[in-house]
C-alpha atoms as a PDB file:
ATOM      1  CA  UNK A   1     -45.720  13.748  39.484  1.00  0.00           C
ATOM      2  CA  UNK A   2     -44.801  17.192  40.686  1.00  0.00           C
ATOM      3  CA  UNK A   3     -43.513  19.682  38.131  1.00  0.00           C
ATOM      4  CA  UNK A   4     -40.145  19.968  39.902  1.00  0.00           C
ATOM      5  CA  UNK A   5     -39.685  16.190  39.859  1.00  0.00           C
ATOM      6  CA  UNK A   6     -40.409  16.028  36.114  1.00  0.00           C
ATOM      7  CA  UNK A   7     -37.851  18.742  35.396  1.00  0.00           C
ATOM      8  CA  UNK A   8     -35.267  16.899  37.480  1.00  0.00           C
ATOM      9  CA  UNK A   9     -35.890  13.659  35.604  1.00  0.00           C
ATOM     10  CA  UNK A  10     -35.457  15.393  32.248  1.00  0.00           C
ATOM     11  CA  UNK A  11     -32.192  16.938  33.375  1.00  0.00           C
ATOM     12  CA  UNK A  12     -30.901  13.485  34.313  1.00  0.00           C
ATOM     13  CA  UNK A  13     -31.817  12.060  30.909  1.00  0.00           C
ATOM     14  CA  UNK A  14     -30.233  14.839  28.823  1.00  0.00           C
ATOM     15  CA  UNK A  15     -26.600  13.640  29.237  1.00  0.00           C
ATOM     16  CA  UNK A  16     -27.610  10.146  28.178  1.00  0.00           C
ATOM     17  CA  UNK A  17     -29.265  11.477  25.026  1.00  0.00           C
ATOM     18  CA  UNK A  18     -26.207  13.555  24.209  1.00  0.00           C
ATOM     19  CA  UNK A  19     -23.983  10.477  24.420  1.00  0.00           C
ATOM     20  CA  UNK A  20     -26.124   8.377  22.096  1.00  0.00           C
ATOM     21  CA  UNK A  21     -24.403   7.490  18.777  1.00  0.00           C
ATOM     22  CA  UNK A  22     -25.433   9.110  15.536  1.00  0.00           C
ATOM     23  CA  UNK A  23     -27.817   6.879  13.532  1.00  0.00           C
ATOM     24  CA  UNK A  24     -25.250   6.154  10.774  1.00  0.00           C
ATOM     25  CA  UNK A  25     -22.102   6.029  12.890  1.00  0.00           C
ATOM     26  CA  UNK A  26     -20.104   2.960  13.888  1.00  0.00           C
ATOM     27  CA  UNK A  27     -20.223   2.152  17.587  1.00  0.00           C
ATOM     28  CA  UNK A  28     -17.504   0.525  19.634  1.00  0.00           C
ATOM     29  CA  UNK A  29     -17.030  -0.644  23.155  1.00  0.00           C
ATOM     30  CA  UNK A  30     -14.826   1.882  24.993  1.00  0.00           C
ATOM     31  CA  UNK A  31     -11.406   0.906  26.293  1.00  0.00           C
ATOM     32  CA  UNK A  32     -10.339   1.064  29.936  1.00  0.00           C
ATOM     33  CA  UNK A  33     -10.092   4.860  29.826  1.00  0.00           C
ATOM     34  CA  UNK A  34     -13.657   5.160  28.556  1.00  0.00           C
ATOM     35  CA  UNK A  35     -12.595   6.205  25.048  1.00  0.00           C
ATOM     36  CA  UNK A  36     -13.329   4.464  21.744  1.00  0.00           C
ATOM     37  CA  UNK A  37     -10.275   2.483  20.671  1.00  0.00           C
ATOM     38  CA  UNK A  38      -8.844   3.952  17.464  1.00  0.00           C
ATOM     39  CA  UNK A  39      -8.560   2.141  14.171  1.00  0.00           C
ATOM     40  CA  UNK A  40      -4.825   1.976  13.450  1.00  0.00           C
ATOM     41  CA  UNK A  41      -3.820   2.126   9.789  1.00  0.00           C
ATOM     42  CA  UNK A  42      -0.413   1.466   8.293  1.00  0.00           C
ATOM     43  CA  UNK A  43       1.347   1.036   4.962  1.00  0.00           C
ATOM     44  CA  UNK A  44       4.453  -0.539   3.513  1.00  0.00           C
ATOM     45  CA  UNK A  45       7.188   2.146   3.425  1.00  0.00           C
ATOM     46  CA  UNK A  46       7.702   2.071  -0.342  1.00  0.00           C
ATOM     47  CA  UNK A  47       8.290   5.800  -0.807  1.00  0.00           C
ATOM     48  CA  UNK A  48       9.845   8.805   0.906  1.00  0.00           C
ATOM     49  CA  UNK A  49       8.581   8.887   4.546  1.00  0.00           C
ATOM     50  CA  UNK A  50       7.497  12.543   4.324  1.00  0.00           C
ATOM     51  CA  UNK A  51       5.299  11.795   1.305  1.00  0.00           C
ATOM     52  CA  UNK A  52       3.751   8.833   3.139  1.00  0.00           C
ATOM     53  CA  UNK A  53       3.064  10.879   6.288  1.00  0.00           C
ATOM     54  CA  UNK A  54       1.246  13.526   4.262  1.00  0.00           C
ATOM     55  CA  UNK A  55      -0.811  10.962   2.340  1.00  0.00           C
ATOM     56  CA  UNK A  56      -1.895   8.763   5.224  1.00  0.00           C
ATOM     57  CA  UNK A  57      -2.443  11.684   7.575  1.00  0.00           C
ATOM     58  CA  UNK A  58      -5.048  13.092   5.178  1.00  0.00           C
ATOM     59  CA  UNK A  59      -6.610   9.673   4.644  1.00  0.00           C
ATOM     60  CA  UNK A  60      -6.857   9.079   8.405  1.00  0.00           C
ATOM     61  CA  UNK A  61      -8.739  12.375   8.818  1.00  0.00           C
ATOM     62  CA  UNK A  62     -11.136  11.414   6.018  1.00  0.00           C
ATOM     63  CA  UNK A  63     -11.829   7.940   7.438  1.00  0.00           C
ATOM     64  CA  UNK A  64     -12.358   9.366  10.921  1.00  0.00           C
ATOM     65  CA  UNK A  65     -15.146  11.548   9.563  1.00  0.00           C
ATOM     66  CA  UNK A  66     -16.697   8.797   7.446  1.00  0.00           C
ATOM     67  CA  UNK A  67     -16.589   5.974   9.983  1.00  0.00           C
ATOM     68  CA  UNK A  68     -17.294   7.856  13.198  1.00  0.00           C
ATOM     69  CA  UNK A  69     -14.297   6.283  14.974  1.00  0.00           C
ATOM     70  CA  UNK A  70     -10.826   7.777  15.481  1.00  0.00           C
ATOM     71  CA  UNK A  71      -8.348   6.623  12.831  1.00  0.00           C
ATOM     72  CA  UNK A  72      -4.597   6.897  13.344  1.00  0.00           C
ATOM     73  CA  UNK A  73      -1.712   6.346  10.916  1.00  0.00           C
ATOM     74  CA  UNK A  74       1.212   4.397  12.347  1.00  0.00           C
ATOM     75  CA  UNK A  75       4.388   4.273  10.205  1.00  0.00           C
ATOM     76  CA  UNK A  76       6.568   1.150  10.132  1.00  0.00           C
ATOM     77  CA  UNK A  77      10.270   0.720   9.438  1.00  0.00           C
ATOM     78  CA  UNK A  78      10.146  -1.787   6.594  1.00  0.00           C
ATOM     79  CA  UNK A  79       7.941  -4.223   4.664  1.00  0.00           C
ATOM     80  CA  UNK A  80       8.489  -7.092   7.095  1.00  0.00           C
ATOM     81  CA  UNK A  81       7.533  -4.865  10.023  1.00  0.00           C
ATOM     82  CA  UNK A  82       4.213  -4.043   8.323  1.00  0.00           C
ATOM     83  CA  UNK A  83       3.371  -7.744   7.973  1.00  0.00           C
ATOM     84  CA  UNK A  84       4.424  -8.482  11.567  1.00  0.00           C
ATOM     85  CA  UNK A  85       2.418  -5.556  12.996  1.00  0.00           C
ATOM     86  CA  UNK A  86      -0.663  -6.782  11.139  1.00  0.00           C
ATOM     87  CA  UNK A  87      -0.095 -10.341  12.364  1.00  0.00           C
ATOM     88  CA  UNK A  88       0.148  -9.384  16.058  1.00  0.00           C
ATOM     89  CA  UNK A  89      -2.803  -6.992  15.830  1.00  0.00           C
ATOM     90  CA  UNK A  90      -0.951  -3.673  16.113  1.00  0.00           C
ATOM     91  CA  UNK A  91      -2.342  -2.614  12.720  1.00  0.00           C
ATOM     92  CA  UNK A  92      -6.010  -2.945  11.780  1.00  0.00           C
ATOM     93  CA  UNK A  93      -5.881  -1.719   8.190  1.00  0.00           C
ATOM     94  CA  UNK A  94      -2.805  -1.822   5.975  1.00  0.00           C
ATOM     95  CA  UNK A  95      -1.909  -0.677   2.469  1.00  0.00           C
ATOM     96  CA  UNK A  96       0.093  -3.678   1.275  1.00  0.00           C
ATOM     97  CA  UNK A  97       1.765  -4.554  -1.975  1.00  0.00           C
ATOM     98  CA  UNK A  98       0.680  -7.766  -3.690  1.00  0.00           C
ATOM     99  CA  UNK A  99       3.286  -9.966  -1.995  1.00  0.00           C
ATOM    100  CA  UNK A 100       3.101  -8.497   1.506  1.00  0.00           C
ATOM    101  CA  UNK A 101      -0.694  -8.617   1.337  1.00  0.00           C
ATOM    102  CA  UNK A 102      -0.584 -12.340   0.607  1.00  0.00           C
ATOM    103  CA  UNK A 103       2.024 -12.905   3.343  1.00  0.00           C
ATOM    104  CA  UNK A 104      -0.112 -11.036   5.878  1.00  0.00           C
ATOM    105  CA  UNK A 105      -3.376 -12.802   5.010  1.00  0.00           C
ATOM    106  CA  UNK A 106      -1.750 -16.233   5.215  1.00  0.00           C
ATOM    107  CA  UNK A 107      -0.755 -15.415   8.813  1.00  0.00           C
ATOM    108  CA  UNK A 108      -4.089 -13.904   9.862  1.00  0.00           C
ATOM    109  CA  UNK A 109      -7.075 -16.172   9.109  1.00  0.00           C
ATOM    110  CA  UNK A 110     -10.090 -14.110   8.144  1.00  0.00           C
ATOM    111  CA  UNK A 111      -8.101 -11.121   6.890  1.00  0.00           C
ATOM    112  CA  UNK A 112      -9.690  -9.605   3.789  1.00  0.00           C
ATOM    113  CA  UNK A 113      -8.456  -7.680   0.762  1.00  0.00           C
ATOM    114  CA  UNK A 114     -11.183  -5.053   0.374  1.00  0.00           C
ATOM    115  CA  UNK A 115     -10.061  -2.341  -2.066  1.00  0.00           C
ATOM    116  CA  UNK A 116      -7.398  -1.338  -4.555  1.00  0.00           C
ATOM    117  CA  UNK A 117      -6.757   1.627  -6.815  1.00  0.00           C
ATOM    118  CA  UNK A 118      -8.084   1.568 -10.344  1.00  0.00           C
ATOM    119  CA  UNK A 119      -4.475   1.154 -11.537  1.00  0.00           C
ATOM    120  CA  UNK A 120      -3.721  -1.883  -9.356  1.00  0.00           C
ATOM    121  CA  UNK A 121      -5.605  -4.515 -11.336  1.00  0.00           C
ATOM    122  CA  UNK A 122      -3.219  -3.879 -14.244  1.00  0.00           C
ATOM    123  CA  UNK A 123      -0.009  -2.746 -12.592  1.00  0.00           C
ATOM    124  CA  UNK A 124       3.465  -2.595 -14.136  1.00  0.00           C
ATOM    125  CA  UNK A 125       7.117  -2.303 -13.176  1.00  0.00           C
ATOM    126  CA  UNK A 126       9.690  -0.380 -15.191  1.00  0.00           C
ATOM    127  CA  UNK A 127      13.329  -1.271 -15.668  1.00  0.00           C
ATOM    128  CA  UNK A 128      15.532   1.824 -15.802  1.00  0.00           C
ATOM    129  CA  UNK A 129      19.215   2.398 -16.572  1.00  0.00           C
ATOM    130  CA  UNK A 130      21.868   5.046 -16.196  1.00  0.00           C
ATOM    131  CA  UNK A 131      22.557   6.393 -19.686  1.00  0.00           C
ATOM    132  CA  UNK A 132      26.319   6.184 -19.173  1.00  0.00           C
ATOM    133  CA  UNK A 133      25.942   2.383 -18.931  1.00  0.00           C
ATOM    134  CA  UNK A 134      25.246   2.214 -22.660  1.00  0.00           C
ATOM    135  CA  UNK A 135      22.020   0.297 -22.074  1.00  0.00           C
ATOM    136  CA  UNK A 136      19.168   1.274 -24.412  1.00  0.00           C
ATOM    137  CA  UNK A 137      15.423   0.542 -24.463  1.00  0.00           C
ATOM    138  CA  UNK A 138      14.392  -3.018 -25.316  1.00  0.00           C
ATOM    139  CA  UNK A 139      11.236  -4.243 -27.016  1.00  0.00           C
ATOM    140  CA  UNK A 140      10.538  -7.635 -25.457  1.00  0.00           C
ATOM    141  CA  UNK A 141      11.066  -9.796 -22.409  1.00  0.00           C
ATOM    142  CA  UNK A 142      13.805 -11.940 -23.966  1.00  0.00           C
ATOM    143  CA  UNK A 143      15.961  -8.842 -24.455  1.00  0.00           C
ATOM    144  CA  UNK A 144      16.294  -8.477 -20.664  1.00  0.00           C
ATOM    145  CA  UNK A 145      19.429 -10.581 -21.139  1.00  0.00           C
ATOM    146  CA  UNK A 146      21.102  -7.260 -21.987  1.00  0.00           C
ATOM    147  CA  UNK A 147      21.381  -6.855 -18.205  1.00  0.00           C
ATOM    148  CA  UNK A 148      23.811  -9.770 -17.912  1.00  0.00           C
ATOM    149  CA  UNK A 149      27.124  -8.652 -16.479  1.00  0.00           C
ATOM    150  CA  UNK A 150      25.638  -5.345 -15.267  1.00  0.00           C
ATOM    151  CA  UNK A 151      25.234  -4.010 -11.742  1.00  0.00           C
ATOM    152  CA  UNK A 152      21.573  -3.999 -10.763  1.00  0.00           C
ATOM    153  CA  UNK A 153      19.315  -3.013  -7.876  1.00  0.00           C
ATOM    154  CA  UNK A 154      15.834  -4.069  -6.885  1.00  0.00           C
ATOM    155  CA  UNK A 155      13.743  -2.113  -4.355  1.00  0.00           C
ATOM    156  CA  UNK A 156      12.777  -3.725  -1.071  1.00  0.00           C
ATOM    157  CA  UNK A 157      13.354  -7.483  -0.850  1.00  0.00           C
ATOM    158  CA  UNK A 158       9.593  -7.932  -0.246  1.00  0.00           C
ATOM    159  CA  UNK A 159       8.378  -5.466  -2.877  1.00  0.00           C
ATOM    160  CA  UNK A 160       5.996  -6.864  -5.492  1.00  0.00           C
ATOM    161  CA  UNK A 161       6.768  -4.265  -8.163  1.00  0.00           C
ATOM    162  CA  UNK A 162      10.377  -3.681  -7.095  1.00  0.00           C
ATOM    163  CA  UNK A 163      11.465  -7.291  -6.657  1.00  0.00           C
ATOM    164  CA  UNK A 164       8.966 -10.178  -6.887  1.00  0.00           C
ATOM    165  CA  UNK A 165       7.484  -9.664 -10.348  1.00  0.00           C
ATOM    166  CA  UNK A 166      10.682  -8.228 -11.884  1.00  0.00           C
ATOM    167  CA  UNK A 167      12.596 -11.310 -10.710  1.00  0.00           C
ATOM    168  CA  UNK A 168       9.849 -13.490 -12.188  1.00  0.00           C
ATOM    169  CA  UNK A 169      10.129 -11.755 -15.579  1.00  0.00           C
ATOM    170  CA  UNK A 170      13.930 -11.995 -15.469  1.00  0.00           C
ATOM    171  CA  UNK A 171      13.568 -15.749 -14.921  1.00  0.00           C
ATOM    172  CA  UNK A 172      11.155 -15.925 -17.862  1.00  0.00           C
ATOM    173  CA  UNK A 173      13.891 -14.315 -19.957  1.00  0.00           C
ATOM    174  CA  UNK A 174      16.332 -17.009 -18.870  1.00  0.00           C
ATOM    175  CA  UNK A 175      18.263 -14.913 -16.334  1.00  0.00           C
ATOM    176  CA  UNK A 176      19.165 -15.688 -12.741  1.00  0.00           C
ATOM    177  CA  UNK A 177      20.412 -13.352 -10.027  1.00  0.00           C
ATOM    178  CA  UNK A 178      23.889 -14.787 -10.572  1.00  0.00           C
ATOM    179  CA  UNK A 179      23.961 -13.258 -14.054  1.00  0.00           C
ATOM    180  CA  UNK A 180      24.382  -9.732 -12.679  1.00  0.00           C
ATOM    181  CA  UNK A 181      27.775  -8.256 -11.933  1.00  0.00           C
ATOM    182  CA  UNK A 182      28.205  -8.896  -8.228  1.00  0.00           C
ATOM    183  CA  UNK A 183      25.238  -9.322  -5.927  1.00  0.00           C
ATOM    184  CA  UNK A 184      22.073  -7.374  -6.844  1.00  0.00           C
ATOM    185  CA  UNK A 185      21.231  -4.506  -4.522  1.00  0.00           C
ATOM    186  CA  UNK A 186      18.054  -3.953  -2.527  1.00  0.00           C
ATOM    187  CA  UNK A 187      17.503  -0.213  -2.231  1.00  0.00           C
ATOM    188  CA  UNK A 188      14.606  -0.338   0.319  1.00  0.00           C
ATOM    189  CA  UNK A 189      12.257   1.925  -1.689  1.00  0.00           C
ATOM    190  CA  UNK A 190      11.315   2.975  -5.218  1.00  0.00           C
ATOM    191  CA  UNK A 191      12.558   6.524  -4.638  1.00  0.00           C
ATOM    192  CA  UNK A 192      15.916   5.174  -3.493  1.00  0.00           C
ATOM    193  CA  UNK A 193      16.165   2.984  -6.619  1.00  0.00           C
ATOM    194  CA  UNK A 194      15.765   6.024  -8.864  1.00  0.00           C
ATOM    195  CA  UNK A 195      18.460   7.949  -7.011  1.00  0.00           C
ATOM    196  CA  UNK A 196      20.938   5.042  -7.017  1.00  0.00           C
ATOM    197  CA  UNK A 197      20.580   4.495 -10.772  1.00  0.00           C
ATOM    198  CA  UNK A 198      20.648   8.227 -11.469  1.00  0.00           C
ATOM    199  CA  UNK A 199      23.895   8.531  -9.495  1.00  0.00           C
ATOM    200  CA  UNK A 200      25.452   5.626 -11.408  1.00  0.00           C
ATOM    201  CA  UNK A 201      25.825   3.504  -8.274  1.00  0.00           C
ATOM    202  CA  UNK A 202      24.098   0.777 -10.305  1.00  0.00           C
ATOM    203  CA  UNK A 203      23.889   0.420 -14.080  1.00  0.00           C
ATOM    204  CA  UNK A 204      20.193  -0.421 -13.871  1.00  0.00           C
ATOM    205  CA  UNK A 205      17.286  -1.051 -11.525  1.00  0.00           C
ATOM    206  CA  UNK A 206      13.561  -1.686 -11.390  1.00  0.00           C
ATOM    207  CA  UNK A 207      10.669   0.034  -9.645  1.00  0.00           C
ATOM    208  CA  UNK A 208       6.938   0.578  -9.658  1.00  0.00           C
ATOM    209  CA  UNK A 209       5.696   2.428 -12.712  1.00  0.00           C
ATOM    210  CA  UNK A 210       3.384   4.758 -10.801  1.00  0.00           C
ATOM    211  CA  UNK A 211       6.195   6.142  -8.617  1.00  0.00           C
ATOM    212  CA  UNK A 212       8.377   6.557 -11.706  1.00  0.00           C
ATOM    213  CA  UNK A 213       5.709   8.533 -13.551  1.00  0.00           C
ATOM    214  CA  UNK A 214       4.930  10.693 -10.525  1.00  0.00           C
ATOM    215  CA  UNK A 215       8.585  11.577  -9.939  1.00  0.00           C
ATOM    216  CA  UNK A 216       9.145  12.376 -13.624  1.00  0.00           C
ATOM    217  CA  UNK A 217       6.028  14.558 -13.666  1.00  0.00           C
ATOM    218  CA  UNK A 218       7.246  16.385 -10.545  1.00  0.00           C
ATOM    219  CA  UNK A 219      10.642  17.027 -12.167  1.00  0.00           C
ATOM    220  CA  UNK A 220      12.438  14.924  -9.544  1.00  0.00           C
ATOM    221  CA  UNK A 221      14.278  12.713 -12.070  1.00  0.00           C
ATOM    222  CA  UNK A 222      17.198  13.833 -14.207  1.00  0.00           C
ATOM    223  CA  UNK A 223      16.172  12.388 -17.580  1.00  0.00           C
ATOM    224  CA  UNK A 224      19.575  13.348 -19.007  1.00  0.00           C
ATOM    225  CA  UNK A 225      20.971  10.575 -16.823  1.00  0.00           C
ATOM    226  CA  UNK A 226      18.234   7.928 -16.643  1.00  0.00           C
ATOM    227  CA  UNK A 227      16.323   6.072 -19.363  1.00  0.00           C
ATOM    228  CA  UNK A 228      13.436   3.564 -19.218  1.00  0.00           C
ATOM    229  CA  UNK A 229      14.519   0.210 -20.638  1.00  0.00           C
ATOM    230  CA  UNK A 230      11.292  -1.791 -20.530  1.00  0.00           C
ATOM    231  CA  UNK A 231       7.819  -2.004 -19.001  1.00  0.00           C
ATOM    232  CA  UNK A 232       6.616  -5.367 -17.689  1.00  0.00           C
ATOM    233  CA  UNK A 233       3.308  -7.072 -18.523  1.00  0.00           C
ATOM    234  CA  UNK A 234       0.417  -6.295 -16.145  1.00  0.00           C
ATOM    235  CA  UNK A 235      -0.255  -7.941 -12.779  1.00  0.00           C
ATOM    236  CA  UNK A 236      -2.303  -7.276  -9.611  1.00  0.00           C
ATOM    237  CA  UNK A 237      -0.495  -5.290  -6.939  1.00  0.00           C
ATOM    238  CA  UNK A 238      -1.330  -2.851  -4.117  1.00  0.00           C
ATOM    239  CA  UNK A 239      -4.457  -3.269  -1.992  1.00  0.00           C
ATOM    240  CA  UNK A 240      -6.029  -2.551   1.388  1.00  0.00           C
ATOM    241  CA  UNK A 241      -6.226  -5.468   3.828  1.00  0.00           C
ATOM    242  CA  UNK A 242      -8.371  -5.349   6.970  1.00  0.00           C
ATOM    243  CA  UNK A 243      -7.731  -7.362  10.125  1.00  0.00           C
ATOM    244  CA  UNK A 244     -10.726  -9.456  11.300  1.00  0.00           C
ATOM    245  CA  UNK A 245     -10.277  -8.107  14.848  1.00  0.00           C
ATOM    246  CA  UNK A 246     -12.193  -4.974  13.812  1.00  0.00           C
ATOM    247  CA  UNK A 247     -15.395  -7.024  13.737  1.00  0.00           C
ATOM    248  CA  UNK A 248     -15.158  -7.667  17.473  1.00  0.00           C
ATOM    249  CA  UNK A 249     -14.163  -4.092  18.277  1.00  0.00           C
ATOM    250  CA  UNK A 250     -16.676  -2.236  16.125  1.00  0.00           C
ATOM    251  CA  UNK A 251     -19.235  -4.398  14.294  1.00  0.00           C
ATOM    252  CA  UNK A 252     -19.495  -7.490  12.098  1.00  0.00           C
ATOM    253  CA  UNK A 253     -20.068  -5.367   9.012  1.00  0.00           C
ATOM    254  CA  UNK A 254     -17.201  -2.949   9.713  1.00  0.00           C
ATOM    255  CA  UNK A 255     -15.022  -4.264   6.833  1.00  0.00           C
ATOM    256  CA  UNK A 256     -17.877  -3.442   4.461  1.00  0.00           C
ATOM    257  CA  UNK A 257     -18.134   0.060   5.961  1.00  0.00           C
ATOM    258  CA  UNK A 258     -14.395   0.540   5.478  1.00  0.00           C
ATOM    259  CA  UNK A 259     -14.642  -0.608   1.887  1.00  0.00           C
ATOM    260  CA  UNK A 260     -17.566   1.727   1.226  1.00  0.00           C
ATOM    261  CA  UNK A 261     -15.647   4.701   2.656  1.00  0.00           C
ATOM    262  CA  UNK A 262     -12.664   3.977   0.402  1.00  0.00           C
ATOM    263  CA  UNK A 263     -14.821   3.479  -2.685  1.00  0.00           C
ATOM    264  CA  UNK A 264     -16.637   6.730  -1.890  1.00  0.00           C
ATOM    265  CA  UNK A 265     -13.513   8.872  -2.423  1.00  0.00           C
ATOM    266  CA  UNK A 266     -14.544  11.273  -5.182  1.00  0.00           C
ATOM    267  CA  UNK A 267     -12.174  13.232  -7.468  1.00  0.00           C
ATOM    268  CA  UNK A 268     -14.880  15.911  -7.791  1.00  0.00           C
ATOM    269  CA  UNK A 269     -14.484  16.801  -4.101  1.00  0.00           C
ATOM    270  CA  UNK A 270     -11.256  18.860  -3.693  1.00  0.00           C
ATOM    271  CA  UNK A 271     -10.122  17.336  -0.376  1.00  0.00           C
ATOM    272  CA  UNK A 272     -10.803  13.814  -1.609  1.00  0.00           C
ATOM    273  CA  UNK A 273      -9.163  14.507  -4.977  1.00  0.00           C
ATOM    274  CA  UNK A 274      -6.001  15.450  -3.107  1.00  0.00           C
ATOM    275  CA  UNK A 275      -5.976  12.046  -1.410  1.00  0.00           C
ATOM    276  CA  UNK A 276      -6.566  10.236  -4.712  1.00  0.00           C
ATOM    277  CA  UNK A 277      -3.858  12.299  -6.417  1.00  0.00           C
ATOM    278  CA  UNK A 278      -1.382  11.368  -3.698  1.00  0.00           C
ATOM    279  CA  UNK A 279      -2.281   7.726  -4.321  1.00  0.00           C
ATOM    280  CA  UNK A 280      -1.844   8.280  -8.074  1.00  0.00           C
ATOM    281  CA  UNK A 281      -5.386   7.072  -8.724  1.00  0.00           C
ATOM    282  CA  UNK A 282      -8.737   8.227 -10.055  1.00  0.00           C
ATOM    283  CA  UNK A 283     -10.673   6.041  -7.637  1.00  0.00           C
ATOM    284  CA  UNK A 284     -10.635   2.915  -5.486  1.00  0.00           C
ATOM    285  CA  UNK A 285     -12.374  -0.243  -6.663  1.00  0.00           C
ATOM    286  CA  UNK A 286     -13.369  -3.494  -4.866  1.00  0.00           C
ATOM    287  CA  UNK A 287     -10.958  -6.409  -4.762  1.00  0.00           C
ATOM    288  CA  UNK A 288     -10.782  -9.834  -3.106  1.00  0.00           C
ATOM    289  CA  UNK A 289      -8.191 -12.309  -1.859  1.00  0.00           C
ATOM    290  CA  UNK A 290      -8.498 -14.520  -4.941  1.00  0.00           C
ATOM    291  CA  UNK A 291      -7.132 -11.802  -7.222  1.00  0.00           C
ATOM    292  CA  UNK A 292      -3.646 -12.388  -5.806  1.00  0.00           C
ATOM    293  CA  UNK A 293      -3.381 -16.115  -6.528  1.00  0.00           C
ATOM    294  CA  UNK A 294      -0.679 -15.522  -9.156  1.00  0.00           C
ATOM    295  CA  UNK A 295       1.287 -13.326  -6.747  1.00  0.00           C
ATOM    296  CA  UNK A 296       1.160 -16.146  -4.188  1.00  0.00           C
ATOM    297  CA  UNK A 297       2.282 -18.691  -6.789  1.00  0.00           C
ATOM    298  CA  UNK A 298       5.248 -16.545  -7.867  1.00  0.00           C
ATOM    299  CA  UNK A 299       6.109 -15.851  -4.235  1.00  0.00           C
ATOM    300  CA  UNK A 300       6.292 -19.565  -3.532  1.00  0.00           C
ATOM    301  CA  UNK A 301       8.300 -20.165  -6.715  1.00  0.00           C
ATOM    302  CA  UNK A 302      11.071 -17.761  -5.761  1.00  0.00           C
ATOM    303  CA  UNK A 303      10.995 -18.614  -2.057  1.00  0.00           C
ATOM    304  CA  UNK A 304       9.340 -15.497  -0.625  1.00  0.00           C
ATOM    305  CA  UNK A 305       6.350 -17.532   0.591  1.00  0.00           C
ATOM    306  CA  UNK A 306       6.853 -20.944   2.220  1.00  0.00           C
END
């Protein structure tokens, strides 16, 4: 072969070599435009939208680097919208609460719970009250009857820590929703519950303990106006759920790669510590669908799962 022909052949092969995937990266068939289809992540809107945008924006950047595919965060309007978007395939990876995670997996065969925070295997709700209501801290579940005849707000109607489990514990205490003064409220988020109780719009309310602690630590709660009444027993709650469609788009073992990337988050690395801090966790740990059997049972008992 002539020298000039050899040089020409090498020049033709160089672009192909440059386009080859990195040895440890995830590959994917390109879409119609020739680009790798992004992994779309979402989350139930349980907190202030600005806080969620900051958190999931940073996580998307981290996962993009770890997985070798573009990751985008797509906000949703409410809990039901998160479940629906997962069901129709608009969301590939979602941070669900216990109840919404069960609802989503029941509608998408093959969907997997892959990771949760270290705090989610023993999660709690806290009942809070406006101090002007005269309500004071209680010591046991039976004493929740002190809420009879009071105005009360839950969080979202589909919230595990802001509605499902609190309603379950109220029932265990012998209370029904009809025992409150008027209809109970549904604030839409844990942050909104704090503000409504603080303002005296409701005598009392219930929310997720982690949000409560974070807002108190940040000085965002007026403790001259709000008091914690009671902390619930522990239960499983938040977790990441992955849609099985990612196996066809990327690879059969992609859920395992996602799980590994989440478990890899290290509090000793400043950028990763920031993500963990925003999640209110020290680390992520493995989980599985079976851990939420009690959540499913309670959901069926109170009519949130049919």
